N, C-alpha and C. Protein backbone atom coordinates (compact mmCIF):
# COMPACT_ATOMS: atom_id res chain seq x y z
N MET A 1 1.05 -1.26 0.25
CA MET A 1 -0.18 0.20 0.00
C MET A 1 0.78 1.40 -0.04
N LYS A 2 0.49 2.20 -1.01
CA LYS A 2 1.23 3.42 -0.61
C LYS A 2 0.61 4.86 -0.72
N LEU A 3 0.34 5.34 0.07
CA LEU A 3 -0.76 6.58 0.10
C LEU A 3 0.14 7.53 0.51
N VAL A 4 -0.27 9.31 0.17
CA VAL A 4 0.16 9.84 0.74
C VAL A 4 -0.60 10.81 1.28
N LEU A 5 -0.28 11.58 2.21
CA LEU A 5 -1.77 12.31 2.74
C LEU A 5 -0.79 13.95 3.18
N TYR A 6 -1.80 14.92 2.72
CA TYR A 6 -0.95 16.51 2.67
C TYR A 6 -2.28 16.57 3.41
N SER A 7 -1.81 17.55 4.68
CA SER A 7 -2.83 18.38 5.17
C SER A 7 -3.10 19.76 4.81
N GLY A 8 -2.40 20.36 4.24
CA GLY A 8 -2.73 21.04 3.29
C GLY A 8 -1.53 22.25 2.90
N GLY A 9 -1.99 23.82 2.93
CA GLY A 9 -1.37 24.87 2.23
C GLY A 9 -0.83 24.70 0.53
N SER A 10 -0.19 25.31 0.44
CA SER A 10 0.14 25.24 -1.10
C SER A 10 1.45 24.42 -1.12
N PHE A 11 1.25 23.71 -2.89
CA PHE A 11 2.13 22.61 -2.65
C PHE A 11 3.96 23.24 -2.99
N GLU A 12 3.83 24.99 -2.98
CA GLU A 12 5.15 25.05 -2.44
C GLU A 12 5.28 24.86 -1.15
N ASP A 13 4.76 24.95 -0.25
CA ASP A 13 4.93 24.87 1.24
C ASP A 13 5.38 23.30 1.64
N ASN A 14 5.25 22.71 0.52
CA ASN A 14 5.02 21.00 0.85
C ASN A 14 6.04 20.50 0.29
N GLU A 15 7.17 20.83 0.09
CA GLU A 15 8.49 20.44 -0.51
C GLU A 15 8.62 18.98 -0.29
N GLU A 16 9.00 18.59 1.08
CA GLU A 16 9.22 17.33 1.42
C GLU A 16 8.11 16.25 1.12
N LEU A 17 6.97 16.61 1.15
CA LEU A 17 5.91 15.88 1.07
C LEU A 17 6.21 15.65 -0.79
N ASN A 18 6.41 16.82 -1.38
CA ASN A 18 6.25 16.17 -2.90
C ASN A 18 7.48 15.56 -3.18
N GLU A 19 8.79 15.61 -2.62
CA GLU A 19 9.76 14.99 -3.29
C GLU A 19 10.02 13.15 -2.48
N ALA A 20 9.24 13.30 -1.81
CA ALA A 20 8.57 11.67 -1.29
C ALA A 20 7.69 10.92 -2.31
N PHE A 21 6.69 11.86 -2.63
CA PHE A 21 5.80 11.45 -3.50
C PHE A 21 6.31 11.34 -4.74
N VAL A 22 7.44 12.10 -4.99
CA VAL A 22 7.85 11.69 -6.53
C VAL A 22 8.78 10.57 -6.30
N ASN A 23 9.28 10.17 -5.10
CA ASN A 23 10.26 9.40 -5.38
C ASN A 23 9.76 7.62 -5.18
N MET A 24 8.42 8.16 -4.52
CA MET A 24 7.73 6.91 -4.85
C MET A 24 7.20 6.19 -6.28
N LEU A 25 7.29 7.24 -7.05
CA LEU A 25 6.60 7.23 -8.56
C LEU A 25 7.67 6.03 -9.43
N PRO A 26 7.02 5.24 -10.47
CA PRO A 26 7.99 4.50 -11.27
C PRO A 26 8.75 5.40 -12.18
N SER A 27 9.47 5.21 -13.10
CA SER A 27 10.37 5.96 -14.37
C SER A 27 8.80 6.01 -15.34
N ASN A 28 9.00 7.74 -16.24
CA ASN A 28 8.03 7.91 -17.02
C ASN A 28 7.01 7.88 -15.95
N PRO A 29 6.11 8.45 -15.00
CA PRO A 29 5.13 8.36 -14.22
C PRO A 29 3.68 9.02 -14.99
N ALA A 30 2.67 8.81 -14.62
CA ALA A 30 1.52 9.28 -15.48
C ALA A 30 0.75 9.74 -13.94
N ILE A 31 0.67 10.66 -13.66
CA ILE A 31 0.14 11.14 -12.31
C ILE A 31 -1.88 11.72 -12.68
N THR A 32 -2.61 11.24 -12.38
CA THR A 32 -3.91 11.91 -12.52
C THR A 32 -4.72 12.60 -11.35
N PHE A 33 -4.93 13.95 -11.61
CA PHE A 33 -5.65 15.00 -10.73
C PHE A 33 -7.00 14.71 -10.78
N ILE A 34 -7.67 14.59 -9.66
CA ILE A 34 -8.98 14.52 -9.03
C ILE A 34 -9.63 15.60 -8.51
N PRO A 35 -10.18 16.67 -9.17
CA PRO A 35 -10.56 17.87 -8.34
C PRO A 35 -11.80 17.09 -7.67
N SER A 36 -12.27 17.57 -6.34
CA SER A 36 -13.36 17.79 -5.75
C SER A 36 -14.57 18.08 -6.36
N SER A 37 -14.28 19.11 -7.13
CA SER A 37 -15.19 19.83 -8.13
C SER A 37 -14.86 20.18 -9.15
N SER A 38 -15.76 19.48 -10.69
CA SER A 38 -15.31 20.42 -11.90
C SER A 38 -15.22 21.79 -11.94
N ASN A 39 -16.28 22.25 -11.32
CA ASN A 39 -16.28 23.80 -11.33
C ASN A 39 -15.66 24.62 -10.78
N GLY A 40 -14.53 25.42 -11.74
CA GLY A 40 -13.73 26.31 -11.18
C GLY A 40 -12.38 25.56 -10.72
N TYR A 41 -12.05 24.54 -11.05
CA TYR A 41 -10.75 23.42 -11.07
C TYR A 41 -9.55 23.80 -11.30
N GLU A 42 -9.40 24.90 -12.35
CA GLU A 42 -8.09 25.51 -13.00
C GLU A 42 -7.26 25.82 -11.89
N PRO A 43 -7.00 26.72 -11.53
CA PRO A 43 -6.32 26.98 -10.97
C PRO A 43 -5.97 26.29 -9.50
N PHE A 44 -6.45 25.29 -9.64
CA PHE A 44 -6.50 24.16 -8.13
C PHE A 44 -5.01 23.14 -9.51
N PHE A 45 -5.90 22.92 -10.74
CA PHE A 45 -4.83 22.06 -10.96
C PHE A 45 -3.45 22.53 -11.26
N THR A 46 -3.52 23.85 -11.72
CA THR A 46 -2.50 24.42 -12.13
C THR A 46 -1.22 24.73 -10.58
N ALA A 47 -2.11 24.71 -9.61
CA ALA A 47 -1.55 24.90 -8.42
C ALA A 47 -0.25 23.43 -8.23
N PHE A 48 -1.10 22.33 -8.53
CA PHE A 48 -0.67 21.29 -8.47
C PHE A 48 0.47 21.02 -9.67
N GLN A 49 0.01 21.05 -10.27
CA GLN A 49 1.30 20.49 -11.90
C GLN A 49 2.39 21.59 -11.58
N ASP A 50 2.35 22.63 -11.17
CA ASP A 50 3.96 23.60 -11.37
C ASP A 50 4.73 22.85 -10.24
N PRO A 51 4.39 22.33 -9.39
CA PRO A 51 6.01 22.10 -8.79
C PRO A 51 6.20 20.40 -9.17
N PHE A 52 5.81 19.95 -9.28
CA PHE A 52 5.49 18.71 -9.56
C PHE A 52 6.32 18.76 -11.35
N LYS A 53 6.22 19.30 -12.23
CA LYS A 53 6.58 19.93 -13.13
C LYS A 53 8.10 20.51 -12.97
N ARG A 54 8.69 20.93 -12.13
CA ARG A 54 9.99 21.12 -11.70
C ARG A 54 10.83 20.30 -11.40
N LEU A 55 9.65 18.96 -11.14
CA LEU A 55 10.71 17.78 -10.09
C LEU A 55 11.06 17.08 -11.49
N GLY A 56 10.04 17.04 -12.70
CA GLY A 56 9.92 16.23 -13.62
C GLY A 56 9.13 15.85 -14.26
N ILE A 57 8.00 16.04 -13.37
CA ILE A 57 6.86 15.00 -14.04
C ILE A 57 6.31 15.82 -15.18
N ASN A 58 6.29 15.32 -15.98
CA ASN A 58 4.96 16.04 -17.09
C ASN A 58 3.88 15.59 -17.30
N ASN A 59 3.98 14.45 -17.62
CA ASN A 59 2.29 13.83 -17.50
C ASN A 59 1.47 13.52 -16.53
N ILE A 60 0.60 15.04 -16.63
CA ILE A 60 -0.20 15.20 -15.16
C ILE A 60 -1.46 15.17 -16.10
N THR A 61 -2.57 14.20 -15.49
CA THR A 61 -4.00 14.98 -16.59
C THR A 61 -4.99 15.22 -15.41
N THR A 62 -6.26 15.25 -15.89
CA THR A 62 -7.22 15.17 -14.91
C THR A 62 -8.01 13.99 -15.34
N PHE A 63 -9.26 14.07 -14.10
CA PHE A 63 -10.87 13.26 -14.49
C PHE A 63 -11.27 13.88 -13.97
N PHE A 64 -12.65 13.82 -14.37
CA PHE A 64 -14.06 14.58 -13.51
C PHE A 64 -14.65 13.98 -12.67
N ALA A 65 -14.40 13.18 -12.03
CA ALA A 65 -15.87 12.15 -11.08
C ALA A 65 -17.20 12.80 -11.51
N ASP A 66 -17.39 14.17 -10.98
CA ASP A 66 -18.43 14.90 -11.34
C ASP A 66 -19.81 15.23 -12.33
N LYS A 67 -18.57 14.25 -13.34
CA LYS A 67 -18.79 14.19 -14.84
C LYS A 67 -19.45 13.04 -15.33
N GLU A 68 -20.19 13.00 -16.31
CA GLU A 68 -20.25 11.55 -17.10
C GLU A 68 -18.51 11.00 -17.44
N PHE A 69 -18.50 9.76 -17.03
CA PHE A 69 -17.21 9.15 -18.15
C PHE A 69 -17.46 8.14 -18.37
N SER A 70 -16.26 7.67 -19.32
CA SER A 70 -16.67 6.40 -20.27
C SER A 70 -15.97 5.23 -19.99
N ALA A 71 -16.38 3.75 -19.59
CA ALA A 71 -15.41 3.06 -19.11
C ALA A 71 -13.89 3.38 -19.66
N LYS A 72 -13.72 3.45 -20.83
CA LYS A 72 -12.24 3.60 -21.27
C LYS A 72 -11.72 4.66 -20.49
N GLN A 73 -12.39 5.47 -20.34
CA GLN A 73 -11.55 6.51 -19.00
C GLN A 73 -11.20 6.19 -18.08
N LEU A 74 -12.28 5.73 -17.46
CA LEU A 74 -12.17 5.01 -16.11
C LEU A 74 -10.85 4.18 -16.14
N ASN A 75 -10.42 3.17 -17.03
CA ASN A 75 -9.43 2.41 -17.41
C ASN A 75 -8.09 3.32 -17.43
N THR A 76 -8.93 4.07 -18.12
CA THR A 76 -7.06 5.04 -18.44
C THR A 76 -6.89 6.01 -16.69
N LEU A 77 -7.57 6.11 -16.17
CA LEU A 77 -7.26 6.48 -14.87
C LEU A 77 -6.82 5.61 -13.95
N LEU A 78 -7.22 4.54 -13.84
CA LEU A 78 -6.76 3.33 -13.33
C LEU A 78 -5.37 2.94 -13.86
N GLN A 79 -5.14 3.21 -14.89
CA GLN A 79 -3.57 2.56 -15.50
C GLN A 79 -2.69 3.63 -15.05
N SER A 80 -3.16 4.62 -14.27
CA SER A 80 -2.01 6.27 -13.81
C SER A 80 -1.21 4.99 -12.81
N SER A 81 0.30 6.02 -13.04
CA SER A 81 0.94 5.22 -11.89
C SER A 81 0.59 5.81 -10.67
N ALA A 82 -0.13 7.10 -10.05
CA ALA A 82 -0.62 7.73 -8.84
C ALA A 82 -2.19 8.09 -9.15
N ILE A 83 -2.70 8.43 -8.38
CA ILE A 83 -4.40 9.03 -8.33
C ILE A 83 -3.88 10.40 -7.20
N PHE A 84 -4.24 11.40 -7.43
CA PHE A 84 -4.15 12.47 -6.59
C PHE A 84 -5.34 13.15 -6.57
N LEU A 85 -6.28 13.13 -4.92
CA LEU A 85 -7.68 13.56 -4.59
C LEU A 85 -7.15 14.90 -4.04
N SER A 86 -7.65 16.11 -4.56
CA SER A 86 -8.07 17.01 -4.42
C SER A 86 -8.52 17.20 -2.60
N GLY A 87 -8.45 18.62 -2.85
CA GLY A 87 -9.23 19.67 -1.41
C GLY A 87 -10.02 19.84 -1.70
N GLY A 88 -11.24 20.05 -1.04
CA GLY A 88 -12.28 20.88 -1.41
C GLY A 88 -13.49 20.79 -0.86
N ASN A 89 -14.59 20.49 -0.88
CA ASN A 89 -15.94 20.40 0.46
C ASN A 89 -15.58 18.90 0.41
N THR A 90 -15.97 18.15 1.51
CA THR A 90 -15.03 16.61 1.71
C THR A 90 -16.82 16.01 1.41
N PHE A 91 -18.16 16.66 1.85
CA PHE A 91 -18.60 15.91 1.84
C PHE A 91 -19.22 15.94 0.12
N TYR A 92 -19.41 16.76 -0.49
CA TYR A 92 -19.40 16.88 -1.53
C TYR A 92 -18.49 15.49 -2.78
N PHE A 93 -17.16 15.70 -1.96
CA PHE A 93 -16.47 14.76 -2.81
C PHE A 93 -16.82 13.68 -2.66
N LEU A 94 -17.25 13.21 -1.54
CA LEU A 94 -17.21 12.05 -1.53
C LEU A 94 -18.59 11.47 -1.53
N LYS A 95 -19.35 12.61 -1.91
CA LYS A 95 -20.65 11.47 -2.28
C LYS A 95 -20.57 11.50 -3.68
N VAL A 96 -20.08 12.39 -5.10
CA VAL A 96 -19.64 12.10 -5.85
C VAL A 96 -19.12 10.92 -6.19
N LEU A 97 -17.82 10.65 -5.78
CA LEU A 97 -17.27 9.04 -5.93
C LEU A 97 -18.12 7.87 -5.40
N LYS A 98 -19.13 7.99 -4.23
CA LYS A 98 -19.76 6.60 -4.26
C LYS A 98 -21.15 6.75 -5.37
N GLU A 99 -21.49 7.65 -5.77
CA GLU A 99 -22.55 7.61 -6.28
C GLU A 99 -22.18 7.44 -8.29
N LYS A 100 -20.78 7.86 -8.06
CA LYS A 100 -20.34 7.33 -9.35
C LYS A 100 -19.49 5.85 -9.46
N GLY A 101 -19.26 5.14 -8.22
CA GLY A 101 -19.04 3.63 -8.32
C GLY A 101 -17.74 3.86 -8.62
N LEU A 102 -17.18 4.93 -8.04
CA LEU A 102 -15.40 4.56 -7.72
C LEU A 102 -14.56 4.63 -7.02
N MET A 103 -15.88 4.66 -6.05
CA MET A 103 -14.66 3.89 -4.40
C MET A 103 -14.07 2.26 -4.43
N GLU A 104 -14.94 1.46 -4.81
CA GLU A 104 -14.51 0.49 -5.15
C GLU A 104 -13.03 0.61 -6.11
N PRO A 105 -13.48 1.36 -7.06
CA PRO A 105 -11.92 1.41 -7.97
C PRO A 105 -10.96 1.81 -7.65
N LEU A 106 -10.82 3.21 -6.55
CA LEU A 106 -9.92 3.44 -5.98
C LEU A 106 -8.97 2.18 -5.06
N LYS A 107 -9.66 1.59 -4.54
CA LYS A 107 -9.07 0.85 -3.45
C LYS A 107 -8.72 -0.35 -3.99
N GLU A 108 -8.71 -0.82 -5.16
CA GLU A 108 -8.36 -1.73 -5.88
C GLU A 108 -7.00 -1.65 -6.81
N PHE A 109 -7.27 -0.37 -6.87
CA PHE A 109 -6.28 0.49 -7.62
C PHE A 109 -5.19 0.49 -6.45
N VAL A 110 -5.39 0.87 -5.55
CA VAL A 110 -4.38 0.51 -4.33
C VAL A 110 -3.66 -0.54 -4.12
N GLN A 111 -4.74 -1.34 -3.96
CA GLN A 111 -4.24 -2.70 -3.56
C GLN A 111 -3.51 -3.83 -4.86
N GLN A 112 -3.71 -3.01 -5.85
CA GLN A 112 -2.80 -3.37 -6.93
C GLN A 112 -1.28 -2.70 -6.95
N GLY A 113 -1.28 -2.05 -6.37
CA GLY A 113 0.08 -1.11 -6.22
C GLY A 113 0.55 0.32 -6.23
N GLY A 114 -1.24 0.74 -7.02
CA GLY A 114 -1.24 1.72 -7.27
C GLY A 114 -0.20 3.10 -6.36
N ILE A 115 -0.12 4.16 -6.50
CA ILE A 115 -0.07 5.31 -5.64
C ILE A 115 -0.97 6.19 -5.03
N LEU A 116 -1.80 6.63 -4.30
CA LEU A 116 -3.52 7.24 -3.97
C LEU A 116 -2.31 8.30 -3.02
N ALA A 117 -2.95 9.68 -3.62
CA ALA A 117 -2.71 11.10 -2.52
C ALA A 117 -3.36 11.70 -2.34
N GLY A 118 -3.21 12.72 -1.90
CA GLY A 118 -4.50 13.40 -1.37
C GLY A 118 -4.31 14.53 -0.73
N MET A 119 -5.13 16.33 -0.78
CA MET A 119 -4.37 16.73 0.09
C MET A 119 -5.73 17.60 0.81
N SER A 120 -5.88 17.65 2.33
CA SER A 120 -7.17 18.31 3.38
C SER A 120 -8.32 16.95 2.94
N ALA A 121 -9.52 17.27 2.11
CA ALA A 121 -10.39 16.88 1.92
C ALA A 121 -10.13 15.53 0.90
N GLY A 122 -9.04 15.24 0.02
CA GLY A 122 -8.93 14.18 -0.30
C GLY A 122 -8.09 12.77 0.48
N SER A 123 -6.94 13.73 1.76
CA SER A 123 -6.89 12.97 2.55
C SER A 123 -7.58 12.23 3.63
N ILE A 124 -8.62 12.94 4.04
CA ILE A 124 -9.73 12.90 4.83
C ILE A 124 -10.53 11.31 4.53
N ILE A 125 -10.82 11.06 2.90
CA ILE A 125 -11.55 10.69 2.08
C ILE A 125 -10.93 9.29 2.41
N MET A 126 -9.69 9.21 2.33
CA MET A 126 -8.64 7.36 2.72
C MET A 126 -8.86 7.11 3.69
N THR A 127 -9.25 7.92 4.52
CA THR A 127 -9.98 7.13 5.94
C THR A 127 -10.51 6.54 6.65
N PRO A 128 -11.26 5.58 7.75
CA PRO A 128 -12.34 4.86 7.92
C PRO A 128 -13.75 5.69 8.05
N ASN A 129 -13.69 7.44 8.09
CA ASN A 129 -14.62 8.34 7.54
C ASN A 129 -14.25 9.69 7.55
N ILE A 130 -15.69 10.34 7.07
CA ILE A 130 -15.00 11.48 7.08
C ILE A 130 -15.60 12.95 8.27
N ALA A 131 -15.59 12.17 9.51
CA ALA A 131 -16.11 12.87 10.73
C ALA A 131 -15.14 14.48 10.77
N MET A 132 -14.09 14.31 10.51
CA MET A 132 -13.06 15.15 10.62
C MET A 132 -13.40 16.33 10.07
N ALA A 133 -13.76 15.91 8.42
CA ALA A 133 -14.73 17.12 8.23
C ALA A 133 -15.29 17.78 8.33
N SER A 134 -16.03 17.72 9.71
CA SER A 134 -16.89 18.74 10.45
C SER A 134 -16.16 19.31 12.09
N ILE A 135 -14.69 19.42 11.79
CA ILE A 135 -14.27 19.51 12.94
C ILE A 135 -13.09 20.25 12.32
N PRO A 136 -13.06 21.71 13.14
CA PRO A 136 -13.68 22.52 14.22
C PRO A 136 -14.80 22.62 13.71
N SER A 137 -15.80 22.40 14.25
CA SER A 137 -17.52 22.85 14.10
C SER A 137 -16.88 24.73 13.87
N PHE A 138 -16.23 25.44 13.91
CA PHE A 138 -16.11 26.69 13.86
C PHE A 138 -15.00 27.00 12.38
N ASP A 139 -15.13 25.87 11.62
CA ASP A 139 -14.34 25.98 10.61
C ASP A 139 -14.42 24.56 9.82
N CYS A 140 -15.55 24.55 9.55
CA CYS A 140 -15.99 23.43 8.73
C CYS A 140 -16.22 22.91 8.02
N ASP A 141 -16.36 21.51 7.34
CA ASP A 141 -17.48 21.30 5.59
C ASP A 141 -18.85 21.70 6.14
N ASP A 142 -19.57 22.27 4.89
CA ASP A 142 -20.65 22.40 4.79
C ASP A 142 -21.46 21.23 4.05
N ASN A 143 -22.13 20.60 5.15
CA ASN A 143 -22.55 19.04 4.16
C ASN A 143 -24.04 19.50 3.37
N PHE A 144 -23.50 20.52 2.48
CA PHE A 144 -24.89 20.51 1.80
C PHE A 144 -25.51 20.03 1.26
N VAL A 145 -24.68 18.65 0.87
CA VAL A 145 -25.58 17.38 0.31
C VAL A 145 -25.82 16.75 1.13
N ASN A 146 -26.28 16.97 1.89
CA ASN A 146 -26.91 16.06 3.30
C ASN A 146 -26.76 14.54 2.84
N LEU A 147 -25.16 14.28 2.84
CA LEU A 147 -24.50 12.85 2.88
C LEU A 147 -24.91 11.90 4.36
N LYS A 148 -25.04 11.28 4.24
CA LYS A 148 -25.66 10.41 5.26
C LYS A 148 -24.72 8.98 5.63
N ASP A 149 -24.08 8.42 4.59
CA ASP A 149 -22.58 7.32 4.82
C ASP A 149 -21.53 8.15 4.51
N LEU A 150 -21.23 8.37 6.01
CA LEU A 150 -19.63 9.42 6.17
C LEU A 150 -18.52 8.46 5.82
N SER A 151 -18.51 6.60 5.38
CA SER A 151 -17.93 6.00 5.52
C SER A 151 -16.67 6.61 4.28
N GLY A 152 -15.55 6.24 4.28
CA GLY A 152 -14.37 6.57 3.66
C GLY A 152 -13.88 5.68 2.95
N LEU A 153 -13.09 5.60 2.43
CA LEU A 153 -11.98 3.78 1.54
C LEU A 153 -11.20 3.22 2.70
N ASN A 154 -11.41 3.39 3.79
CA ASN A 154 -11.19 3.01 4.90
C ASN A 154 -9.39 2.13 4.39
N LEU A 155 -8.49 3.21 4.05
CA LEU A 155 -7.08 2.20 3.68
C LEU A 155 -6.16 2.80 4.78
N THR A 156 -6.63 3.40 6.11
CA THR A 156 -5.99 3.55 7.36
C THR A 156 -6.50 2.87 8.42
N HIS A 157 -5.52 3.28 9.14
CA HIS A 157 -5.94 2.08 10.20
C HIS A 157 -6.66 3.70 11.02
N PHE A 158 -6.35 5.10 10.63
CA PHE A 158 -6.53 6.06 12.04
C PHE A 158 -7.20 7.20 11.16
N GLU A 159 -7.74 8.61 11.65
CA GLU A 159 -8.48 8.98 11.21
C GLU A 159 -7.54 10.72 11.08
N PHE A 160 -7.66 11.36 10.46
CA PHE A 160 -6.68 12.56 9.66
C PHE A 160 -7.84 13.80 10.23
N SER A 161 -6.88 14.35 10.58
CA SER A 161 -7.32 16.53 10.41
C SER A 161 -6.73 16.87 10.25
N PRO A 162 -6.53 17.51 9.28
CA PRO A 162 -6.12 18.40 8.26
C PRO A 162 -5.92 19.89 8.82
N HIS A 163 -5.08 20.48 8.36
CA HIS A 163 -4.95 22.08 8.94
C HIS A 163 -4.56 22.28 10.44
N TYR A 164 -4.41 21.23 10.68
CA TYR A 164 -4.30 21.45 12.35
C TYR A 164 -3.87 22.58 12.75
N VAL A 165 -4.30 23.45 13.83
CA VAL A 165 -3.93 24.36 14.22
C VAL A 165 -3.68 24.14 16.15
N GLY A 166 -2.88 24.38 16.80
CA GLY A 166 -3.13 23.93 18.41
C GLY A 166 -4.15 24.98 18.97
N ILE A 167 -4.99 25.10 18.48
CA ILE A 167 -5.53 26.06 19.88
C ILE A 167 -6.60 25.30 20.81
N GLU A 168 -6.89 26.05 21.44
CA GLU A 168 -7.87 24.96 22.95
C GLU A 168 -8.88 24.54 22.54
N GLU A 169 -9.75 25.36 21.76
CA GLU A 169 -11.03 25.16 20.88
C GLU A 169 -10.75 23.93 20.01
N LEU A 170 -10.12 24.01 19.25
CA LEU A 170 -10.01 22.81 17.81
C LEU A 170 -9.52 21.65 19.11
N ASP A 171 -8.46 21.61 20.07
CA ASP A 171 -7.64 20.69 20.68
C ASP A 171 -9.04 20.22 21.49
N ARG A 172 -9.72 20.82 22.26
CA ARG A 172 -10.92 19.90 23.07
C ARG A 172 -11.49 19.66 22.12
N GLU A 173 -12.46 19.65 20.97
CA GLU A 173 -13.44 18.99 19.97
C GLU A 173 -12.57 17.57 20.05
N LEU A 174 -11.10 17.92 19.24
CA LEU A 174 -10.69 16.86 19.24
C LEU A 174 -10.90 15.58 20.18
N GLN A 175 -10.14 15.69 21.35
CA GLN A 175 -10.45 14.63 22.44
C GLN A 175 -11.56 14.90 22.76
N GLU A 176 -12.41 15.52 22.69
CA GLU A 176 -13.88 14.94 22.92
C GLU A 176 -14.11 13.84 21.13
N TYR A 177 -14.34 14.14 20.69
CA TYR A 177 -14.64 13.21 19.33
C TYR A 177 -13.90 11.45 19.65
N SER A 178 -12.44 12.15 20.30
CA SER A 178 -11.72 10.97 20.43
C SER A 178 -12.11 9.97 21.68
N LYS A 179 -12.57 10.35 22.30
CA LYS A 179 -13.58 9.62 23.06
C LYS A 179 -15.05 8.53 22.44
N THR A 180 -15.14 9.09 21.04
CA THR A 180 -16.39 8.11 20.93
C THR A 180 -15.69 7.38 19.77
N THR A 181 -14.56 7.77 19.25
CA THR A 181 -14.51 6.42 18.13
C THR A 181 -13.20 5.58 18.88
N ASN A 182 -12.79 4.24 17.71
CA ASN A 182 -11.72 3.62 18.27
C ASN A 182 -10.18 3.97 17.78
N ASN A 183 -10.48 4.45 16.29
CA ASN A 183 -9.62 5.21 15.96
C ASN A 183 -8.53 6.21 16.20
N PRO A 184 -7.46 5.98 15.99
CA PRO A 184 -6.52 6.90 16.76
C PRO A 184 -7.17 8.44 15.34
N ILE A 185 -6.55 9.40 15.88
CA ILE A 185 -6.54 10.68 15.15
C ILE A 185 -5.38 11.17 14.64
N LEU A 186 -5.07 11.58 13.77
CA LEU A 186 -3.61 11.84 13.56
C LEU A 186 -3.47 13.36 12.85
N ALA A 187 -3.03 14.14 13.44
CA ALA A 187 -3.17 16.19 13.01
C ALA A 187 -2.25 16.34 12.93
N SER A 188 -1.99 17.16 11.34
CA SER A 188 -1.06 17.84 11.09
C SER A 188 -1.50 19.16 10.30
N PRO A 189 -0.36 19.95 10.35
CA PRO A 189 -0.65 21.31 10.41
C PRO A 189 -0.42 21.53 8.62
N GLU A 190 -0.67 22.54 8.23
CA GLU A 190 -0.15 22.42 6.67
C GLU A 190 1.45 22.68 6.56
N GLY A 191 1.37 22.08 5.50
CA GLY A 191 2.68 21.59 5.02
C GLY A 191 3.77 21.02 5.75
N SER A 192 2.68 19.86 6.11
CA SER A 192 3.10 18.37 7.06
C SER A 192 2.17 16.99 6.28
N GLY A 193 2.61 16.56 6.77
CA GLY A 193 1.86 15.19 6.33
C GLY A 193 2.05 13.53 6.63
N ILE A 194 1.12 12.55 6.01
CA ILE A 194 1.88 11.36 6.50
C ILE A 194 1.85 10.69 4.94
N ILE A 195 2.84 9.71 5.22
CA ILE A 195 3.66 9.15 4.07
C ILE A 195 3.03 7.12 4.83
N ILE A 196 2.46 6.43 3.89
CA ILE A 196 2.29 5.17 4.26
C ILE A 196 2.60 4.31 2.78
N LYS A 197 3.65 3.23 3.40
CA LYS A 197 4.56 2.66 2.53
C LYS A 197 4.65 1.18 2.81
N ASP A 198 3.79 0.47 2.12
CA ASP A 198 3.52 -0.80 2.71
C ASP A 198 3.05 -0.92 4.32
N LYS A 199 3.89 -1.52 5.03
CA LYS A 199 4.04 -1.46 6.13
C LYS A 199 4.27 -0.38 7.20
N HIS A 200 4.89 0.70 6.82
CA HIS A 200 5.82 1.52 7.35
C HIS A 200 4.89 3.39 7.55
N LEU A 201 4.87 3.58 8.22
CA LEU A 201 4.41 4.83 7.99
C LEU A 201 5.65 5.98 8.70
N VAL A 202 5.65 7.26 7.64
CA VAL A 202 6.37 8.08 8.25
C VAL A 202 5.60 9.66 7.98
N LEU A 203 6.00 10.31 9.43
CA LEU A 203 5.06 11.39 9.66
C LEU A 203 6.08 12.43 8.99
N VAL A 204 5.66 13.46 8.33
CA VAL A 204 6.44 14.31 7.95
C VAL A 204 6.24 15.49 8.47
N GLY A 205 6.93 16.21 8.66
CA GLY A 205 6.32 18.14 10.35
C GLY A 205 5.88 17.48 11.04
N GLU A 206 5.04 18.39 11.80
CA GLU A 206 4.23 18.28 12.80
C GLU A 206 3.54 17.49 13.23
N THR A 207 3.25 16.43 13.89
CA THR A 207 1.98 15.42 13.65
C THR A 207 1.33 15.26 14.75
N VAL A 208 0.22 15.31 16.01
CA VAL A 208 -0.21 15.25 16.75
C VAL A 208 -1.47 14.13 16.97
N LEU A 209 -1.45 13.35 17.88
CA LEU A 209 -2.13 12.24 18.50
C LEU A 209 -2.93 12.42 19.38
N PHE A 210 -4.74 12.25 18.87
CA PHE A 210 -5.42 12.39 19.86
C PHE A 210 -5.98 10.87 19.97
N THR A 211 -6.57 10.22 21.06
CA THR A 211 -6.76 9.48 21.20
C THR A 211 -7.07 8.99 22.54
N GLN A 212 -8.61 8.41 22.37
CA GLN A 212 -9.28 8.34 24.24
C GLN A 212 -9.56 9.46 25.02
N GLY A 213 -9.30 10.78 24.31
CA GLY A 213 -9.34 12.29 25.15
C GLY A 213 -8.36 12.37 25.89
N HIS A 214 -7.22 11.81 24.90
CA HIS A 214 -5.50 12.57 24.87
C HIS A 214 -4.56 13.11 24.02
N LYS A 215 -4.25 14.19 24.30
CA LYS A 215 -3.36 14.56 22.87
C LYS A 215 -1.71 14.47 23.67
N THR A 216 -1.52 14.05 22.17
CA THR A 216 0.12 13.52 22.45
C THR A 216 0.56 14.13 21.40
N LYS A 217 1.96 14.92 21.67
CA LYS A 217 3.02 16.07 20.57
C LYS A 217 3.64 14.47 19.88
N LEU A 218 3.76 13.91 18.61
CA LEU A 218 4.30 12.80 17.92
C LEU A 218 5.74 13.63 17.32
N VAL A 219 5.67 14.19 16.65
CA VAL A 219 7.08 15.11 16.20
C VAL A 219 6.47 16.65 16.48
């Protein structure tokens, strides 16, 4: 299994994660970027492409999950060396992936050796569920699509809180939520993240663990 979970920030702020991601790729790789929404995706795609082009990756394309796609287009997606799930509204993104039948193909892609990466919402979707999209309550995603099934790809044994800032109100919400789940919660500030390669987990930048009401700084 090969996963890269970006917390957030600009790709320029994630040099260590970018390099680790690129080092996982085979020669002459093809990366496919899946935006959370096709509406207004262009600046996000450009921001994604630029740092990787400077690292020598030129075959970078898009796949729109919220538009109609053919079996051929899906097959091309699944032949990618790596798939990147963008940030955005986590509820909308997950709803689209479920409705378009993409959850199982993405799981199989990872199981067959493909690299799955994501930022913010894309990272949350890799985990057992997307409860973190509702935390903190003062700066959370709006579930405007009224999504009921919050189960994610379940590729990790932990839940992921992106954009982490160590303020008391956020810590309190994460500690309270951690009492309600058996999953540990890893929280990373922007510019940090998590790499999973085979059975090895590598923390890049600061990471904080929340479990059973307790907070522990790991890095």
